[in-house]
PDB file of N, CA and C in Angstrom:
ATOM      1  N   MET A   1       2.564  16.937  -4.875  1.00  0.00           N
ATOM      2  CA  MET A   1       2.055  15.517  -4.107  1.00  0.00           C
ATOM      3  C   MET A   1       0.735  15.870  -2.878  1.00  0.00           C
ATOM      4  N   SER A   2      -1.054  15.381  -3.145  1.00  0.00           N
ATOM      5  CA  SER A   2      -2.292  15.681  -2.546  1.00  0.00           C
ATOM      6  C   SER A   2      -1.683  15.146  -1.204  1.00  0.00           C
ATOM      7  N   PRO A   3      -2.285  15.678  -0.217  1.00  0.00           N
ATOM      8  CA  PRO A   3      -1.837  15.339   1.171  1.00  0.00           C
ATOM      9  C   PRO A   3      -2.182  13.418   0.990  1.00  0.00           C
ATOM     10  N   THR A   4      -1.651  13.090   2.093  1.00  0.00           N
ATOM     11  CA  THR A   4      -2.322  11.518   2.239  1.00  0.00           C
ATOM     12  C   THR A   4      -3.693  11.677   2.054  1.00  0.00           C
ATOM     13  N   PRO A   5      -4.655  10.466   1.857  1.00  0.00           N
ATOM     14  CA  PRO A   5      -5.536   9.583   1.794  1.00  0.00           C
ATOM     15  C   PRO A   5      -5.615  10.197   2.993  1.00  0.00           C
ATOM     16  N   LYS A   6      -7.229  10.545   4.049  1.00  0.00           N
ATOM     17  CA  LYS A   6      -7.421   9.609   4.889  1.00  0.00           C
ATOM     18  C   LYS A   6      -9.066   9.677   5.121  1.00  0.00           C
ATOM     19  N   PRO A   7      -9.613   9.259   5.706  1.00  0.00           N
ATOM     20  CA  PRO A   7     -10.891   8.636   6.038  1.00  0.00           C
ATOM     21  C   PRO A   7     -11.541  10.712   6.570  1.00  0.00           C
ATOM     22  N   GLY A   8     -13.642  10.867   6.261  1.00  0.00           N
ATOM     23  CA  GLY A   8     -13.045  12.177   7.257  1.00  0.00           C
ATOM     24  C   GLY A   8     -12.697  13.577   6.270  1.00  0.00           C
ATOM     25  N   ARG A   9     -11.295  12.845   4.972  1.00  0.00           N
ATOM     26  CA  ARG A   9     -11.362  14.278   4.383  1.00  0.00           C
ATOM     27  C   ARG A   9     -11.459  13.909   3.163  1.00  0.00           C
ATOM     28  N   PRO A  10     -11.555  15.342   2.236  1.00  0.00           N
ATOM     29  CA  PRO A  10     -12.446  14.598   0.866  1.00  0.00           C
ATOM     30  C   PRO A  10     -11.099  13.833   0.388  1.00  0.00           C
ATOM     31  N   VAL A  11     -11.665  12.992  -0.959  1.00  0.00           N
ATOM     32  CA  VAL A  11     -10.837  12.555  -0.857  1.00  0.00           C
ATOM     33  C   VAL A  11     -10.988  12.286  -2.742  1.00  0.00           C
ATOM     34  N   ARG A  12     -10.539  10.714  -3.618  1.00  0.00           N
ATOM     35  CA  ARG A  12     -10.441  11.428  -5.091  1.00  0.00           C
ATOM     36  C   ARG A  12     -11.455  10.228  -5.282  1.00  0.00           C
ATOM     37  N   GLY A  13     -12.630  10.790  -5.671  1.00  0.00           N
ATOM     38  CA  GLY A  13     -14.281  10.312  -5.155  1.00  0.00           C
ATOM     39  C   GLY A  13     -14.853  10.581  -3.970  1.00  0.00           C
ATOM     40  N   SER A  14     -14.421  10.607  -3.288  1.00  0.00           N
ATOM     41  CA  SER A  14     -15.906  10.914  -2.412  1.00  0.00           C
ATOM     42  C   SER A  14     -15.247  12.324  -1.570  1.00  0.00           C
ATOM     43  N   ARG A  15     -16.518  13.409  -1.283  1.00  0.00           N
ATOM     44  CA  ARG A  15     -15.887  14.874  -1.090  1.00  0.00           C
ATOM     45  C   ARG A  15     -16.053  14.814   0.802  1.00  0.00           C
ATOM     46  N   SER A  16     -16.990  13.730   0.601  1.00  0.00           N
ATOM     47  CA  SER A  16     -16.831  13.692   2.459  1.00  0.00           C
ATOM     48  C   SER A  16     -15.539  12.375   2.905  1.00  0.00           C
ATOM     49  N   GLY A  17     -15.060  12.193   1.933  1.00  0.00           N
ATOM     50  CA  GLY A  17     -14.140  11.200   2.904  1.00  0.00           C
ATOM     51  C   GLY A  17     -14.678   9.923   2.985  1.00  0.00           C
ATOM     52  N   VAL A  18     -15.452   9.315   2.380  1.00  0.00           N
ATOM     53  CA  VAL A  18     -15.898   7.798   3.206  1.00  0.00           C
ATOM     54  C   VAL A  18     -14.898   6.720   3.544  1.00  0.00           C
ATOM     55  N   PRO A  19     -14.334   6.551   4.219  1.00  0.00           N
ATOM     56  CA  PRO A  19     -13.280   5.123   4.919  1.00  0.00           C
ATOM     57  C   PRO A  19     -12.963   5.220   3.416  1.00  0.00           C
ATOM     58  N   VAL A  20     -13.672   4.218   3.016  1.00  0.00           N
ATOM     59  CA  VAL A  20     -13.710   3.097   1.488  1.00  0.00           C
ATOM     60  C   VAL A  20     -13.017   3.379   0.904  1.00  0.00           C
ATOM     61  N   MET A  21     -13.351   4.789   0.363  1.00  0.00           N
ATOM     62  CA  MET A  21     -12.972   5.165  -0.455  1.00  0.00           C
ATOM     63  C   MET A  21     -11.087   5.941  -0.590  1.00  0.00           C
ATOM     64  N   ALA A  22     -11.329   6.374   1.276  1.00  0.00           N
ATOM     65  CA  ALA A  22      -9.699   6.898   1.616  1.00  0.00           C
ATOM     66  C   ALA A  22      -9.141   5.904   0.713  1.00  0.00           C
ATOM     67  N   LEU A  23      -9.162   4.626   1.416  1.00  0.00           N
ATOM     68  CA  LEU A  23      -8.539   3.398   1.008  1.00  0.00           C
ATOM     69  C   LEU A  23      -8.067   2.872  -0.787  1.00  0.00           C
ATOM     70  N   LEU A  24      -9.117   3.369  -0.732  1.00  0.00           N
ATOM     71  CA  LEU A  24      -8.976   3.100  -2.683  1.00  0.00           C
ATOM     72  C   LEU A  24      -7.580   4.076  -2.960  1.00  0.00           C
ATOM     73  N   ASP A  25      -8.216   5.018  -2.579  1.00  0.00           N
ATOM     74  CA  ASP A  25      -7.331   6.546  -3.430  1.00  0.00           C
ATOM     75  C   ASP A  25      -5.903   6.387  -2.257  1.00  0.00           C
ATOM     76  N   LEU A  26      -5.907   5.567  -1.402  1.00  0.00           N
ATOM     77  CA  LEU A  26      -4.081   5.248  -0.826  1.00  0.00           C
ATOM     78  C   LEU A  26      -3.581   4.544  -1.453  1.00  0.00           C
ATOM     79  N   LEU A  27      -4.865   3.109  -1.713  1.00  0.00           N
ATOM     80  CA  LEU A  27      -4.486   1.887  -2.281  1.00  0.00           C
ATOM     81  C   LEU A  27      -3.454   2.771  -4.397  1.00  0.00           C
ATOM     82  N   GLY A  28      -4.855   3.303  -4.958  1.00  0.00           N
ATOM     83  CA  GLY A  28      -4.393   3.603  -5.980  1.00  0.00           C
ATOM     84  C   GLY A  28      -3.089   4.372  -5.925  1.00  0.00           C
ATOM     85  N   ARG A  29      -2.621   5.140  -5.674  1.00  0.00           N
ATOM     86  CA  ARG A  29      -1.188   5.893  -6.043  1.00  0.00           C
ATOM     87  C   ARG A  29      -0.371   4.616  -5.885  1.00  0.00           C
ATOM     88  N   ARG A  30       0.890   4.957  -6.968  1.00  0.00           N
ATOM     89  CA  ARG A  30       2.334   4.667  -7.089  1.00  0.00           C
ATOM     90  C   ARG A  30       2.426   3.714  -6.212  1.00  0.00           C
ATOM     91  N   TRP A  31       2.871   2.533  -6.541  1.00  0.00           N
ATOM     92  CA  TRP A  31       3.682   1.960  -5.450  1.00  0.00           C
ATOM     93  C   TRP A  31       2.867   1.673  -4.331  1.00  0.00           C
ATOM     94  N   THR A  32       1.550   2.148  -4.118  1.00  0.00           N
ATOM     95  CA  THR A  32       1.474   1.957  -2.876  1.00  0.00           C
ATOM     96  C   THR A  32       1.140   0.627  -1.916  1.00  0.00           C
ATOM     97  N   MET A  33       1.099  -0.336  -3.274  1.00  0.00           N
ATOM     98  CA  MET A  33       0.282  -1.881  -3.161  1.00  0.00           C
ATOM     99  C   MET A  33       1.827  -2.876  -3.157  1.00  0.00           C
ATOM    100  N   GLY A  34       2.336  -1.814  -3.740  1.00  0.00           N
ATOM    101  CA  GLY A  34       3.812  -3.296  -3.906  1.00  0.00           C
ATOM    102  C   GLY A  34       4.802  -2.824  -2.718  1.00  0.00           C
ATOM    103  N   VAL A  35       4.605  -1.888  -2.365  1.00  0.00           N
ATOM    104  CA  VAL A  35       5.260  -1.741  -0.566  1.00  0.00           C
ATOM    105  C   VAL A  35       4.566  -1.784   0.154  1.00  0.00           C
ATOM    106  N   LEU A  36       3.190  -2.478   0.054  1.00  0.00           N
ATOM    107  CA  LEU A  36       3.195  -2.685   1.624  1.00  0.00           C
ATOM    108  C   LEU A  36       3.159  -4.549   1.574  1.00  0.00           C
ATOM    109  N   TRP A  37       2.489  -5.004  -0.279  1.00  0.00           N
ATOM    110  CA  TRP A  37       2.892  -6.061  -0.026  1.00  0.00           C
ATOM    111  C   TRP A  37       4.284  -7.205   0.158  1.00  0.00           C
ATOM    112  N   ASN A  38       5.168  -6.300  -0.862  1.00  0.00           N
ATOM    113  CA  ASN A  38       6.726  -6.457  -0.479  1.00  0.00           C
ATOM    114  C   ASN A  38       6.462  -6.300   1.260  1.00  0.00           C
ATOM    115  N   LEU A  39       6.329  -5.175   2.666  1.00  0.00           N
ATOM    116  CA  LEU A  39       6.501  -5.535   3.731  1.00  0.00           C
ATOM    117  C   LEU A  39       5.633  -7.237   4.881  1.00  0.00           C
ATOM    118  N   SER A  40       4.409  -6.945   3.839  1.00  0.00           N
ATOM    119  CA  SER A  40       3.640  -8.195   4.104  1.00  0.00           C
ATOM    120  C   SER A  40       4.257  -9.165   4.128  1.00  0.00           C
ATOM    121  N   LYS A  41       4.576  -9.306   3.047  1.00  0.00           N
ATOM    122  CA  LYS A  41       4.435 -10.840   2.532  1.00  0.00           C
ATOM    123  C   LYS A  41       6.254 -11.098   2.531  1.00  0.00           C
ATOM    124  N   GLY A  42       7.027 -10.509   2.659  1.00  0.00           N
ATOM    125  CA  GLY A  42       8.285 -10.383   2.480  1.00  0.00           C
ATOM    126  C   GLY A  42       9.088 -10.104   3.828  1.00  0.00           C
ATOM    127  N   GLY A  43       8.328  -9.594   4.860  1.00  0.00           N
ATOM    128  CA  GLY A  43       8.949  -9.066   6.239  1.00  0.00           C
ATOM    129  C   GLY A  43       9.471  -8.291   6.603  1.00  0.00           C
ATOM    130  N   PRO A  44      10.210  -7.389   7.705  1.00  0.00           N
ATOM    131  CA  PRO A  44      10.352  -6.261   7.200  1.00  0.00           C
ATOM    132  C   PRO A  44      12.346  -5.675   6.576  1.00  0.00           C
ATOM    133  N   CYS A  45      12.108  -4.593   6.339  1.00  0.00           N
ATOM    134  CA  CYS A  45      13.428  -4.717   5.384  1.00  0.00           C
ATOM    135  C   CYS A  45      14.203  -2.717   6.161  1.00  0.00           C
ATOM    136  N   THR A  46      15.508  -2.820   5.277  1.00  0.00           N
ATOM    137  CA  THR A  46      15.723  -1.325   5.451  1.00  0.00           C
ATOM    138  C   THR A  46      15.257  -0.927   4.060  1.00  0.00           C
ATOM    139  N   PHE A  47      15.054   0.373   3.995  1.00  0.00           N
ATOM    140  CA  PHE A  47      14.810   0.926   2.698  1.00  0.00           C
ATOM    141  C   PHE A  47      15.797   1.053   1.175  1.00  0.00           C
ATOM    142  N   ARG A  48      16.912   0.097   1.586  1.00  0.00           N
ATOM    143  CA  ARG A  48      18.003   0.016   0.288  1.00  0.00           C
ATOM    144  C   ARG A  48      17.038  -1.717   0.135  1.00  0.00           C
ATOM    145  N   GLU A  49      16.641  -2.559   0.909  1.00  0.00           N
ATOM    146  CA  GLU A  49      16.396  -3.821   0.544  1.00  0.00           C
ATOM    147  C   GLU A  49      14.879  -3.776  -0.150  1.00  0.00           C
ATOM    148  N   LEU A  50      14.147  -2.846   1.312  1.00  0.00           N
ATOM    149  CA  LEU A  50      12.928  -2.887   0.280  1.00  0.00           C
ATOM    150  C   LEU A  50      13.019  -2.264  -0.971  1.00  0.00           C
ATOM    151  N   GLN A  51      14.030  -1.313  -1.812  1.00  0.00           N
ATOM    152  CA  GLN A  51      13.581  -0.778  -3.297  1.00  0.00           C
ATOM    153  C   GLN A  51      14.231  -1.672  -3.854  1.00  0.00           C
ATOM    154  N   GLU A  52      14.787  -2.870  -3.397  1.00  0.00           N
ATOM    155  CA  GLU A  52      15.510  -4.538  -4.391  1.00  0.00           C
ATOM    156  C   GLU A  52      14.075  -4.747  -4.152  1.00  0.00           C
ATOM    157  N   ARG A  53      13.364  -5.058  -3.469  1.00  0.00           N
ATOM    158  CA  ARG A  53      12.351  -5.765  -3.691  1.00  0.00           C
ATOM    159  C   ARG A  53      10.894  -4.637  -4.125  1.00  0.00           C
ATOM    160  N   CYS A  54      11.350  -4.023  -4.989  1.00  0.00           N
ATOM    161  CA  CYS A  54      10.094  -3.071  -5.387  1.00  0.00           C
ATOM    162  C   CYS A  54      11.092  -3.373  -6.604  1.00  0.00           C
ATOM    163  N   GLU A  55      11.953  -2.924  -6.857  1.00  0.00           N
ATOM    164  CA  GLU A  55      12.662  -3.132  -8.756  1.00  0.00           C
ATOM    165  C   GLU A  55      12.606  -1.863  -8.776  1.00  0.00           C
ATOM    166  N   ALA A  56      11.640  -1.095  -9.549  1.00  0.00           N
ATOM    167  CA  ALA A  56      11.647  -0.029 -10.281  1.00  0.00           C
ATOM    168  C   ALA A  56      11.649   1.147 -10.100  1.00  0.00           C
ATOM    169  N   ILE A  57      11.089   1.523  -9.015  1.00  0.00           N
ATOM    170  CA  ILE A  57      10.391   2.337  -7.690  1.00  0.00           C
ATOM    171  C   ILE A  57      11.552   3.238  -7.766  1.00  0.00           C
ATOM    172  N   SER A  58      11.759   4.431  -7.592  1.00  0.00           N
ATOM    173  CA  SER A  58      12.656   5.538  -7.636  1.00  0.00           C
ATOM    174  C   SER A  58      12.488   5.990  -5.826  1.00  0.00           C
ATOM    175  N   PRO A  59      13.861   6.449  -5.780  1.00  0.00           N
ATOM    176  CA  PRO A  59      13.874   6.360  -4.150  1.00  0.00           C
ATOM    177  C   PRO A  59      13.227   8.345  -3.670  1.00  0.00           C
ATOM    178  N   THR A  60      12.828   8.955  -4.318  1.00  0.00           N
ATOM    179  CA  THR A  60      11.347   9.556  -4.551  1.00  0.00           C
ATOM    180  C   THR A  60      10.432   9.111  -4.010  1.00  0.00           C
ATOM    181  N   VAL A  61       9.770   8.185  -4.842  1.00  0.00           N
ATOM    182  CA  VAL A  61       8.674   7.724  -4.598  1.00  0.00           C
ATOM    183  C   VAL A  61       8.086   6.878  -3.533  1.00  0.00           C
ATOM    184  N   LEU A  62       9.419   5.891  -3.359  1.00  0.00           N
ATOM    185  CA  LEU A  62       9.431   4.791  -2.183  1.00  0.00           C
ATOM    186  C   LEU A  62       9.629   5.604  -0.737  1.00  0.00           C
ATOM    187  N   ASN A  63      10.079   6.809  -0.904  1.00  0.00           N
ATOM    188  CA  ASN A  63       9.950   8.021   0.484  1.00  0.00           C
ATOM    189  C   ASN A  63       8.157   8.123   0.172  1.00  0.00           C
ATOM    190  N   SER A  64       8.155   8.765  -0.456  1.00  0.00           N
ATOM    191  CA  SER A  64       6.997   8.898  -0.248  1.00  0.00           C
ATOM    192  C   SER A  64       5.600   8.083   0.654  1.00  0.00           C
ATOM    193  N   ARG A  65       6.155   6.988   0.074  1.00  0.00           N
ATOM    194  CA  ARG A  65       4.685   6.060   0.412  1.00  0.00           C
ATOM    195  C   ARG A  65       5.218   5.411   1.368  1.00  0.00           C
ATOM    196  N   LEU A  66       6.212   5.515   1.808  1.00  0.00           N
ATOM    197  CA  LEU A  66       6.482   5.291   3.314  1.00  0.00           C
ATOM    198  C   LEU A  66       5.764   5.855   3.859  1.00  0.00           C
ATOM    199  N   LYS A  67       6.200   7.464   3.903  1.00  0.00           N
ATOM    200  CA  LYS A  67       5.924   8.108   4.583  1.00  0.00           C
ATOM    201  C   LYS A  67       4.040   8.168   5.075  1.00  0.00           C
ATOM    202  N   GLU A  68       3.572   7.929   3.518  1.00  0.00           N
ATOM    203  CA  GLU A  68       1.590   8.214   3.788  1.00  0.00           C
ATOM    204  C   GLU A  68       1.690   6.786   4.261  1.00  0.00           C
ATOM    205  N   LEU A  69       2.359   5.578   4.855  1.00  0.00           N
ATOM    206  CA  LEU A  69       1.775   3.855   4.358  1.00  0.00           C
ATOM    207  C   LEU A  69       1.900   4.730   6.699  1.00  0.00           C
ATOM    208  N   ARG A  70       3.453   5.218   6.951  1.00  0.00           N
ATOM    209  CA  ARG A  70       3.467   5.592   8.214  1.00  0.00           C
ATOM    210  C   ARG A  70       1.931   5.925   8.762  1.00  0.00           C
ATOM    211  N   GLU A  71       2.066   7.009   8.121  1.00  0.00           N
ATOM    212  CA  GLU A  71       1.357   8.200   8.860  1.00  0.00           C
ATOM    213  C   GLU A  71       0.015   7.478   8.961  1.00  0.00           C
ATOM    214  N   VAL A  72      -0.800   6.466   7.933  1.00  0.00           N
ATOM    215  CA  VAL A  72      -1.535   5.945   8.735  1.00  0.00           C
ATOM    216  C   VAL A  72      -1.803   4.474   8.669  1.00  0.00           C
ATOM    217  N   GLY A  73      -0.492   4.734   9.767  1.00  0.00           N
ATOM    218  CA  GLY A  73      -0.711   3.382  10.442  1.00  0.00           C
ATOM    219  C   GLY A  73      -0.240   1.932  10.397  1.00  0.00           C
ATOM    220  N   LEU A  74      -0.164   1.761   8.964  1.00  0.00           N
ATOM    221  CA  LEU A  74       0.035   0.574   8.099  1.00  0.00           C
ATOM    222  C   LEU A  74       1.428  -0.205   8.219  1.00  0.00           C
ATOM    223  N   ILE A  75       2.271   0.746   7.978  1.00  0.00           N
ATOM    224  CA  ILE A  75       3.707   0.770   7.958  1.00  0.00           C
ATOM    225  C   ILE A  75       4.223   1.780   8.901  1.00  0.00           C
ATOM    226  N   GLU A  76       5.541   0.590  10.094  1.00  0.00           N
ATOM    227  CA  GLU A  76       6.020   1.862  10.932  1.00  0.00           C
ATOM    228  C   GLU A  76       7.413   1.556  10.696  1.00  0.00           C
ATOM    229  N   HIS A  77       8.897   1.635  11.420  1.00  0.00           N
ATOM    230  CA  HIS A  77       9.722   1.664  11.503  1.00  0.00           C
ATOM    231  C   HIS A  77      10.300   1.619  13.004  1.00  0.00           C
ATOM    232  N   SER A  78      11.403   0.225  12.694  1.00  0.00           N
ATOM    233  CA  SER A  78      11.908  -0.405  13.837  1.00  0.00           C
ATOM    234  C   SER A  78      13.633  -0.291  13.783  1.00  0.00           C
ATOM    235  N   GLN A  79      13.859  -0.831  14.281  1.00  0.00           N
ATOM    236  CA  GLN A  79      15.509  -1.392  14.928  1.00  0.00           C
ATOM    237  C   GLN A  79      15.322  -2.753  13.340  1.00  0.00           C
ATOM    238  N   GLU A  80      13.996  -3.080  12.508  1.00  0.00           N
ATOM    239  CA  GLU A  80      14.541  -4.137  11.953  1.00  0.00           C
ATOM    240  C   GLU A  80      14.566  -3.421  10.566  1.00  0.00           C
ATOM    241  N   GLY A  81      14.156  -2.225  10.616  1.00  0.00           N
ATOM    242  CA  GLY A  81      13.956  -1.542   9.406  1.00  0.00           C
ATOM    243  C   GLY A  81      11.932  -0.905   8.923  1.00  0.00           C
ATOM    244  N   TYR A  82      11.961  -1.017   8.031  1.00  0.00           N
ATOM    245  CA  TYR A  82      10.082  -0.455   7.804  1.00  0.00           C
ATOM    246  C   TYR A  82       9.836  -2.598   8.546  1.00  0.00           C
ATOM    247  N   ARG A  83       8.452  -2.349   8.290  1.00  0.00           N
ATOM    248  CA  ARG A  83       7.351  -3.282   8.890  1.00  0.00           C
ATOM    249  C   ARG A  83       6.446  -3.123   8.814  1.00  0.00           C
ATOM    250  N   ALA A  84       5.235  -3.703   7.871  1.00  0.00           N
ATOM    251  CA  ALA A  84       3.548  -3.701   7.799  1.00  0.00           C
ATOM    252  C   ALA A  84       3.383  -3.420   9.572  1.00  0.00           C
ATOM    253  N   THR A  85       2.519  -2.725  10.254  1.00  0.00           N
ATOM    254  CA  THR A  85       1.625  -2.867  11.100  1.00  0.00           C
ATOM    255  C   THR A  85       0.616  -3.650  11.459  1.00  0.00           C
ATOM    256  N   ALA A  86       0.289  -4.629  12.649  1.00  0.00           N
ATOM    257  CA  ALA A  86      -0.920  -5.567  12.927  1.00  0.00           C
ATOM    258  C   ALA A  86      -2.023  -5.406  11.458  1.00  0.00           C
ATOM    259  N   THR A  87      -2.019  -3.909  11.883  1.00  0.00           N
ATOM    260  CA  THR A  87      -3.513  -3.197  10.601  1.00  0.00           C
ATOM    261  C   THR A  87      -2.643  -3.518   9.579  1.00  0.00           C
ATOM    262  N   GLY A  88      -1.426  -3.120   9.200  1.00  0.00           N
ATOM    263  CA  GLY A  88      -1.526  -3.347   7.817  1.00  0.00           C
ATOM    264  C   GLY A  88      -1.347  -4.599   7.364  1.00  0.00           C
ATOM    265  N   ARG A  89      -0.987  -5.794   8.073  1.00  0.00           N
ATOM    266  CA  ARG A  89      -1.246  -7.342   8.242  1.00  0.00           C
ATOM    267  C   ARG A  89      -2.407  -7.445   7.415  1.00  0.00           C
ATOM    268  N   GLU A  90      -3.046  -6.896   8.421  1.00  0.00           N
ATOM    269  CA  GLU A  90      -4.875  -7.143   8.423  1.00  0.00           C
ATOM    270  C   GLU A  90      -5.298  -7.228   6.889  1.00  0.00           C
ATOM    271  N   LEU A  91      -5.040  -5.502   6.361  1.00  0.00           N
ATOM    272  CA  LEU A  91      -5.128  -5.404   5.204  1.00  0.00           C
ATOM    273  C   LEU A  91      -4.233  -6.136   4.104  1.00  0.00           C
ATOM    274  N   TYR A  92      -3.471  -7.038   4.336  1.00  0.00           N
ATOM    275  CA  TYR A  92      -2.835  -7.817   3.149  1.00  0.00           C
ATOM    276  C   TYR A  92      -3.478  -8.841   3.220  1.00  0.00           C
ATOM    277  N   ALA A  93      -3.748  -9.363   3.791  1.00  0.00           N
ATOM    278  CA  ALA A  93      -4.711 -10.762   4.356  1.00  0.00           C
ATOM    279  C   ALA A  93      -6.239 -10.713   3.982  1.00  0.00           C
ATOM    280  N   LEU A  94      -6.810  -8.982   3.602  1.00  0.00           N
ATOM    281  CA  LEU A  94      -7.658  -9.199   2.496  1.00  0.00           C
ATOM    282  C   LEU A  94      -7.991  -8.470   1.344  1.00  0.00           C
ATOM    283  N   LEU A  95      -6.008  -8.511   1.240  1.00  0.00           N
ATOM    284  CA  LEU A  95      -6.361  -8.395  -0.455  1.00  0.00           C
ATOM    285  C   LEU A  95      -5.627  -9.491  -0.816  1.00  0.00           C
ATOM    286  N   VAL A  96      -5.115 -10.481  -0.496  1.00  0.00           N
ATOM    287  CA  VAL A  96      -4.388 -11.600  -0.667  1.00  0.00           C
ATOM    288  C   VAL A  96      -5.605 -12.490  -1.668  1.00  0.00           C
ATOM    289  N   PRO A  97      -7.431 -13.020  -1.184  1.00  0.00           N
ATOM    290  CA  PRO A  97      -7.981 -13.522  -1.883  1.00  0.00           C
ATOM    291  C   PRO A  97      -8.523 -12.043  -2.976  1.00  0.00           C
ATOM    292  N   LEU A  98      -8.642 -10.779  -2.809  1.00  0.00           N
ATOM    293  CA  LEU A  98      -8.417 -10.164  -4.205  1.00  0.00           C
ATOM    294  C   LEU A  98      -8.139 -10.487  -5.656  1.00  0.00           C
ATOM    295  N   GLY A  99      -7.120 -10.799  -4.610  1.00  0.00           N
ATOM    296  CA  GLY A  99      -5.528 -10.555  -6.556  1.00  0.00           C
ATOM    297  C   GLY A  99      -5.911 -12.545  -6.495  1.00  0.00           C
ATOM    298  N   THR A 100      -6.240 -13.460  -6.301  1.00  0.00           N
ATOM    299  CA  THR A 100      -6.919 -14.490  -6.725  1.00  0.00           C
ATOM    300  C   THR A 100      -8.016 -14.085  -7.216  1.00  0.00           C
ATOM    301  N   TRP A 101      -9.450 -14.157  -6.911  1.00  0.00           N
ATOM    302  CA  TRP A 101      -9.988 -12.929  -7.572  1.00  0.00           C
ATOM    303  C   TRP A 101      -9.630 -12.796  -8.659  1.00  0.00           C
ATOM    304  N   ALA A 102      -8.752 -11.934  -9.287  1.00  0.00           N
ATOM    305  CA  ALA A 102      -8.004 -10.640 -10.026  1.00  0.00           C
ATOM    306  C   ALA A 102      -7.998 -11.985 -11.340  1.00  0.00           C
ATOM    307  N   LYS A 103      -6.637 -12.839 -10.714  1.00  0.00           N
ATOM    308  CA  LYS A 103      -6.187 -13.665 -11.399  1.00  0.00           C
ATOM    309  C   LYS A 103      -7.882 -14.861 -12.997  1.00  0.00           C
ATOM    310  N   LYS A 104      -8.402 -15.109 -11.915  1.00  0.00           N
ATOM    311  CA  LYS A 104     -10.137 -15.162 -12.182  1.00  0.00           C
ATOM    312  C   LYS A 104     -10.413 -14.623 -13.013  1.00  0.00           C
ATOM    313  N   TRP A 105     -10.512 -13.695 -13.005  1.00  0.00           N
ATOM    314  CA  TRP A 105     -10.973 -12.426 -13.662  1.00  0.00           C
ATOM    315  C   TRP A 105     -10.316 -12.611 -15.108  1.00  0.00           C
ATOM    316  N   ALA A 106      -9.275 -11.918 -14.868  1.00  0.00           N
ATOM    317  CA  ALA A 106      -7.859 -12.089 -15.645  1.00  0.00           C
ATOM    318  C   ALA A 106      -8.212 -12.588 -16.990  1.00  0.00           C
ATOM    319  N   ALA A 107      -8.978 -13.988 -16.458  1.00  0.00           N
ATOM    320  CA  ALA A 107      -8.327 -15.280 -17.497  1.00  0.00           C
ATOM    321  C   ALA A 107      -9.824 -15.830 -17.935  1.00  0.00           C
ATOM    322  N   LYS A 108     -10.222 -14.891 -18.027  1.00  0.00           N
ATOM    323  CA  LYS A 108     -11.771 -15.236 -18.851  1.00  0.00           C
ATOM    324  C   LYS A 108     -12.053 -14.449 -19.878  1.00  0.00           C
ATOM    325  N   LEU A 109     -11.105 -13.166 -19.514  1.00  0.00           N
ATOM    326  CA  LEU A 109     -11.426 -11.810 -20.168  1.00  0.00           C
ATOM    327  C   LEU A 109     -10.738 -12.539 -21.750  1.00  0.00           C
ATOM    328  N   PRO A 110     -11.274 -11.875 -22.872  1.00  0.00           N
ATOM    329  CA  PRO A 110     -10.848 -12.323 -23.805  1.00  0.00           C
ATOM    330  C   PRO A 110      -9.481 -11.518 -24.793  1.00  0.00           C
ATOM    331  N   ALA A 111      -8.054 -12.435 -24.810  1.00  0.00           N
ATOM    332  CA  ALA A 111      -7.815 -11.626 -24.737  1.00  0.00           C
ATOM    333  C   ALA A 111      -6.762 -10.540 -26.130  1.00  0.00           C
TER     334      ALA A 111
END
């Protein structure tokens, strides 16, 4: 697995690691959005609870995503379990309108 995408380091689509490209690289990884979405919308939970919320995620992939998201400060581990940080919740709030837009876009596409 490649290192966790971070601004200032080469990432997919950017040799210089422009912050938005680092973010898109991170969010484009399998299950990253699902993990962040579940922790932001559903609140804190344990590893097993999160695995159940994400349904088809393997323990290996979940471990990798949790490690990466903790490393970049979007989630943290507390006595309640894993939870989104203030920064993670801020990102989630920005993604919600994007999800709404994507549904409208999808409805306009031919079947």
